[in-house]
N, C-alpha and C. Protein backbone atom coordinates (compact mmCIF):
# COMPACT_ATOMS: atom_id res chain seq x y z
N MET A 1 115.58 82.79 114.28
CA MET A 1 115.92 83.86 115.15
C MET A 1 115.96 84.88 114.03
N VAL A 2 115.63 84.66 113.20
CA VAL A 2 115.70 86.03 112.19
C VAL A 2 114.05 86.39 111.94
N GLU A 3 113.24 85.82 111.97
CA GLU A 3 111.78 85.87 112.10
C GLU A 3 111.12 86.72 113.42
N LYS A 4 112.10 85.91 114.48
CA LYS A 4 111.84 87.33 115.83
C LYS A 4 112.47 88.37 115.60
N ALA A 5 113.53 88.93 114.75
CA ALA A 5 114.60 89.95 114.50
C ALA A 5 113.56 90.09 113.54
N LEU A 6 112.89 90.09 112.64
CA LEU A 6 112.02 90.79 111.59
C LEU A 6 110.82 91.16 112.25
N GLU A 7 109.96 90.71 113.30
CA GLU A 7 108.84 90.69 113.93
C GLU A 7 109.29 92.11 115.03
N ASP A 8 110.53 92.33 115.56
CA ASP A 8 110.57 92.76 116.35
C ASP A 8 111.29 94.67 115.55
N ILE A 9 111.67 94.66 114.13
CA ILE A 9 111.79 95.27 113.40
C ILE A 9 110.28 96.17 112.72
N ALA A 10 109.58 95.23 112.63
CA ALA A 10 108.11 95.63 111.89
C ALA A 10 107.41 96.47 113.86
N GLU A 11 107.90 96.02 114.86
CA GLU A 11 106.67 96.44 115.78
C GLU A 11 107.37 98.05 116.28
N LYS A 12 108.74 97.98 115.83
CA LYS A 12 109.92 99.22 116.09
C LYS A 12 109.02 100.23 114.59
N ILE A 13 108.93 99.80 113.96
CA ILE A 13 108.38 100.35 112.82
C ILE A 13 106.87 100.82 112.70
N LEU A 14 105.69 100.09 113.00
CA LEU A 14 104.66 100.36 113.48
C LEU A 14 104.01 101.88 115.03
N ALA A 15 105.43 101.93 115.47
CA ALA A 15 105.35 103.07 116.38
C ALA A 15 105.58 104.04 115.93
N LEU A 16 106.48 104.54 114.58
CA LEU A 16 106.64 105.47 113.72
C LEU A 16 105.52 106.04 113.41
N ASP A 17 105.33 107.60 113.34
CA ASP A 17 104.43 108.23 113.00
C ASP A 17 104.15 108.14 111.56
N GLU A 18 103.42 107.97 110.29
CA GLU A 18 103.28 108.01 109.12
C GLU A 18 103.60 109.95 108.35
N ALA A 19 103.17 110.75 108.90
CA ALA A 19 103.72 111.93 109.13
C ALA A 19 105.15 112.03 109.33
N SER A 20 105.31 111.52 110.21
CA SER A 20 107.66 111.92 110.01
C SER A 20 108.09 111.22 109.21
N LEU A 21 107.25 110.12 108.98
CA LEU A 21 108.25 109.57 107.74
C LEU A 21 107.71 109.45 106.39
N THR A 22 106.99 110.35 105.86
CA THR A 22 106.55 111.03 104.63
C THR A 22 107.26 112.24 104.60
N GLY A 23 107.59 112.79 105.87
CA GLY A 23 108.43 114.07 105.65
C GLY A 23 110.46 113.75 105.60
N LEU A 24 110.81 112.39 105.62
CA LEU A 24 111.75 111.82 105.06
C LEU A 24 111.77 111.24 103.72
N TRP A 25 110.50 110.96 103.20
CA TRP A 25 110.63 110.43 101.74
C TRP A 25 111.36 110.61 100.70
N GLU A 26 111.17 112.23 100.62
CA GLU A 26 112.38 112.64 99.42
C GLU A 26 113.38 112.82 99.71
N LYS A 27 113.61 112.51 101.16
CA LYS A 27 115.59 112.68 101.26
C LYS A 27 115.56 111.44 100.75
N TYR A 28 114.99 110.39 101.38
CA TYR A 28 116.06 109.58 100.45
C TYR A 28 115.16 108.52 99.37
N LYS A 29 114.05 109.09 99.11
CA LYS A 29 114.13 108.79 97.17
C LYS A 29 115.65 109.62 96.72
N THR A 30 115.61 110.77 96.41
CA THR A 30 116.93 111.25 96.31
C THR A 30 118.37 110.12 96.26
N LYS A 31 118.71 109.70 97.53
CA LYS A 31 119.64 109.14 97.94
C LYS A 31 119.14 107.84 96.83
N LEU A 32 118.28 107.21 97.07
CA LEU A 32 118.14 106.20 96.11
C LEU A 32 118.71 106.33 94.42
N GLU A 33 117.78 107.35 94.17
CA GLU A 33 117.90 107.61 92.75
C GLU A 33 119.79 108.00 92.07
N HIS A 34 120.36 108.17 93.56
CA HIS A 34 122.18 108.95 93.57
C HIS A 34 122.40 107.17 93.65
N PHE A 35 123.02 105.61 92.98
CA PHE A 35 123.06 105.00 93.31
C PHE A 35 124.76 105.51 93.58
N GLU A 36 125.39 104.44 94.79
CA GLU A 36 126.60 104.30 94.95
C GLU A 36 126.74 103.33 95.05
N ALA A 37 127.37 102.06 95.25
CA ALA A 37 127.75 101.11 95.76
C ALA A 37 128.73 101.09 97.36
N THR A 38 127.80 101.70 97.94
CA THR A 38 128.35 101.75 99.79
C THR A 38 127.04 101.59 100.13
N ARG A 39 127.73 100.98 101.67
CA ARG A 39 126.29 100.41 102.92
C ARG A 39 125.23 101.40 103.10
N GLU A 40 126.35 102.60 102.85
CA GLU A 40 124.83 103.85 103.26
C GLU A 40 124.13 104.33 101.95
N TRP A 41 123.94 103.45 100.70
CA TRP A 41 123.10 103.50 99.35
C TRP A 41 122.08 102.33 100.10
N GLU A 42 122.63 101.56 100.58
CA GLU A 42 122.00 100.39 100.28
C GLU A 42 120.96 100.42 102.37
N ARG A 43 121.26 101.28 103.16
CA ARG A 43 120.39 101.79 104.44
C ARG A 43 119.63 102.31 103.67
N ALA A 44 119.72 103.49 102.73
CA ALA A 44 118.52 104.13 102.34
C ALA A 44 117.83 104.17 101.14
N THR A 45 118.01 102.74 100.49
CA THR A 45 117.08 102.23 100.18
C THR A 45 115.92 101.83 100.37
N ILE A 46 117.06 100.59 101.87
CA ILE A 46 115.65 99.93 103.11
C ILE A 46 114.38 101.13 103.67
N ILE A 47 115.52 102.12 104.07
CA ILE A 47 114.70 103.04 104.48
C ILE A 47 113.60 104.10 103.78
N PHE A 48 114.01 104.06 102.61
CA PHE A 48 112.80 104.27 101.40
C PHE A 48 111.67 103.44 101.17
N PHE A 49 111.89 102.00 101.49
CA PHE A 49 110.74 101.26 101.23
C PHE A 49 110.52 100.71 102.37
N ILE A 50 110.84 101.00 103.62
CA ILE A 50 110.24 101.41 104.95
C ILE A 50 108.91 101.89 104.51
N ILE A 51 109.84 103.28 104.57
CA ILE A 51 108.38 104.57 104.38
C ILE A 51 107.38 103.99 103.29
N ASN A 52 107.68 103.45 101.96
CA ASN A 52 106.78 103.08 101.81
C ASN A 52 105.69 102.28 101.79
N SER A 53 106.71 101.31 102.77
CA SER A 53 105.43 100.15 102.95
C SER A 53 104.59 100.48 104.09
N VAL A 54 104.98 101.30 104.89
CA VAL A 54 104.01 101.94 106.10
C VAL A 54 102.94 103.17 105.37
N LYS A 55 103.18 103.43 104.16
CA LYS A 55 102.07 104.54 103.97
C LYS A 55 101.17 103.24 102.91
N VAL A 56 101.48 102.09 102.49
CA VAL A 56 101.02 101.77 101.31
C VAL A 56 100.15 101.01 102.95
N LYS A 57 100.64 100.35 103.88
CA LYS A 57 100.06 99.03 104.74
C LYS A 57 98.54 100.58 105.50
N ASN A 58 99.14 101.51 105.70
CA ASN A 58 98.25 102.30 106.30
C ASN A 58 97.09 102.89 105.38
N SER A 59 97.02 102.96 103.95
CA SER A 59 96.42 102.85 102.88
C SER A 59 95.10 101.83 102.95
N ILE A 60 95.79 100.78 102.65
CA ILE A 60 94.84 100.02 102.57
C ILE A 60 94.16 99.21 104.30
N PHE A 61 95.03 99.59 105.40
CA PHE A 61 94.45 99.49 106.34
C PHE A 61 92.55 100.66 106.95
N ASN A 62 93.47 102.03 106.30
CA ASN A 62 92.16 102.97 106.27
C ASN A 62 90.91 101.96 105.18
N LYS A 63 91.32 102.14 104.19
CA LYS A 63 90.26 101.37 102.72
C LYS A 63 89.53 100.03 103.49
N ARG A 64 89.75 99.27 104.56
CA ARG A 64 89.36 98.45 104.90
C ARG A 64 88.17 98.87 105.82
N ILE A 65 88.91 99.68 106.71
CA ILE A 65 88.19 100.28 108.17
C ILE A 65 86.82 101.13 107.12
N ILE A 66 86.76 101.73 106.27
CA ILE A 66 85.66 102.48 105.52
C ILE A 66 85.28 101.14 105.15
N GLU A 67 85.59 100.38 104.19
CA GLU A 67 84.47 99.50 103.83
C GLU A 67 83.72 98.20 104.94
N ARG A 68 84.10 98.41 105.97
CA ARG A 68 83.81 97.99 107.32
C ARG A 68 82.28 98.72 107.94
N GLN A 69 82.73 99.71 108.09
CA GLN A 69 81.99 100.88 108.18
C GLN A 69 80.47 101.07 107.12
N SER A 70 80.98 101.15 106.16
CA SER A 70 79.70 101.17 105.12
C SER A 70 79.03 99.91 104.79
N GLU A 71 79.77 98.42 105.58
CA GLU A 71 78.59 97.46 105.44
C GLU A 71 77.58 97.35 107.44
N THR A 72 76.61 98.29 106.14
CA THR A 72 75.58 98.07 107.33
C THR A 72 74.54 96.78 106.96
N PRO A 73 73.59 96.45 107.66
CA PRO A 73 72.34 94.95 108.12
C PRO A 73 71.72 95.73 106.55
N GLU A 74 71.51 97.32 106.08
CA GLU A 74 70.59 97.45 105.05
C GLU A 74 71.51 97.23 104.15
N SER A 75 72.31 97.82 104.21
CA SER A 75 73.53 97.97 102.71
C SER A 75 73.51 96.24 102.16
N LYS A 76 73.29 95.43 102.88
CA LYS A 76 73.11 94.09 102.76
C LYS A 76 71.82 93.68 101.98
N LYS A 77 70.83 94.46 101.82
CA LYS A 77 69.58 94.40 101.53
C LYS A 77 69.56 94.73 100.13
N ALA A 78 68.09 93.96 99.05
CA ALA A 78 68.87 94.86 97.57
C ALA A 78 68.44 96.44 97.30
N PRO A 79 69.08 96.38 96.57
CA PRO A 79 69.22 97.88 96.63
C PRO A 79 68.55 98.88 95.91
N LEU A 80 67.77 99.91 96.76
CA LEU A 80 66.31 100.13 96.20
C LEU A 80 65.78 100.76 95.26
N ASN A 81 66.79 100.91 94.10
CA ASN A 81 66.39 101.66 92.79
C ASN A 81 66.56 100.35 92.28
N VAL A 82 65.93 99.40 92.37
CA VAL A 82 65.97 97.73 91.69
C VAL A 82 64.31 97.71 92.22
N PRO A 83 63.74 97.64 90.91
CA PRO A 83 61.95 97.42 91.02
C PRO A 83 62.16 96.17 91.31
N TYR A 84 60.79 96.10 93.07
CA TYR A 84 60.12 94.80 93.44
C TYR A 84 59.74 94.11 92.07
N LEU A 85 60.00 93.29 91.50
CA LEU A 85 59.19 91.79 90.73
C LEU A 85 58.09 91.16 91.10
N LYS A 86 57.08 90.48 90.95
CA LYS A 86 56.74 89.43 91.79
C LYS A 86 55.94 88.84 90.00
N ARG A 87 56.33 87.68 90.00
CA ARG A 87 55.49 86.75 88.97
C ARG A 87 53.88 86.76 89.70
N ILE A 88 53.30 87.36 87.98
CA ILE A 88 51.78 86.84 88.74
C ILE A 88 51.00 85.53 87.16
N LYS A 89 50.52 84.59 87.90
CA LYS A 89 49.74 83.64 87.05
C LYS A 89 48.16 84.12 86.57
């Protein structure tokens, strides 16, 4: 039950736009820094880390896509600057 709830939350978060979330980052950072023993502060803390999580996820995702795109059959060959050496007896 808890896992299903978390998966549902993750789906909703994935539907959010990173640019919109980034616009809220400073607001929730400020709320996080001004501790109050309230439910509002707790929610602000969770929201702040959700925003950071989306940013980190997108950063990792983009990096991996770029790495995959640069992996061509030619890149798996020996680098061009390494001389070809042949042993002669």
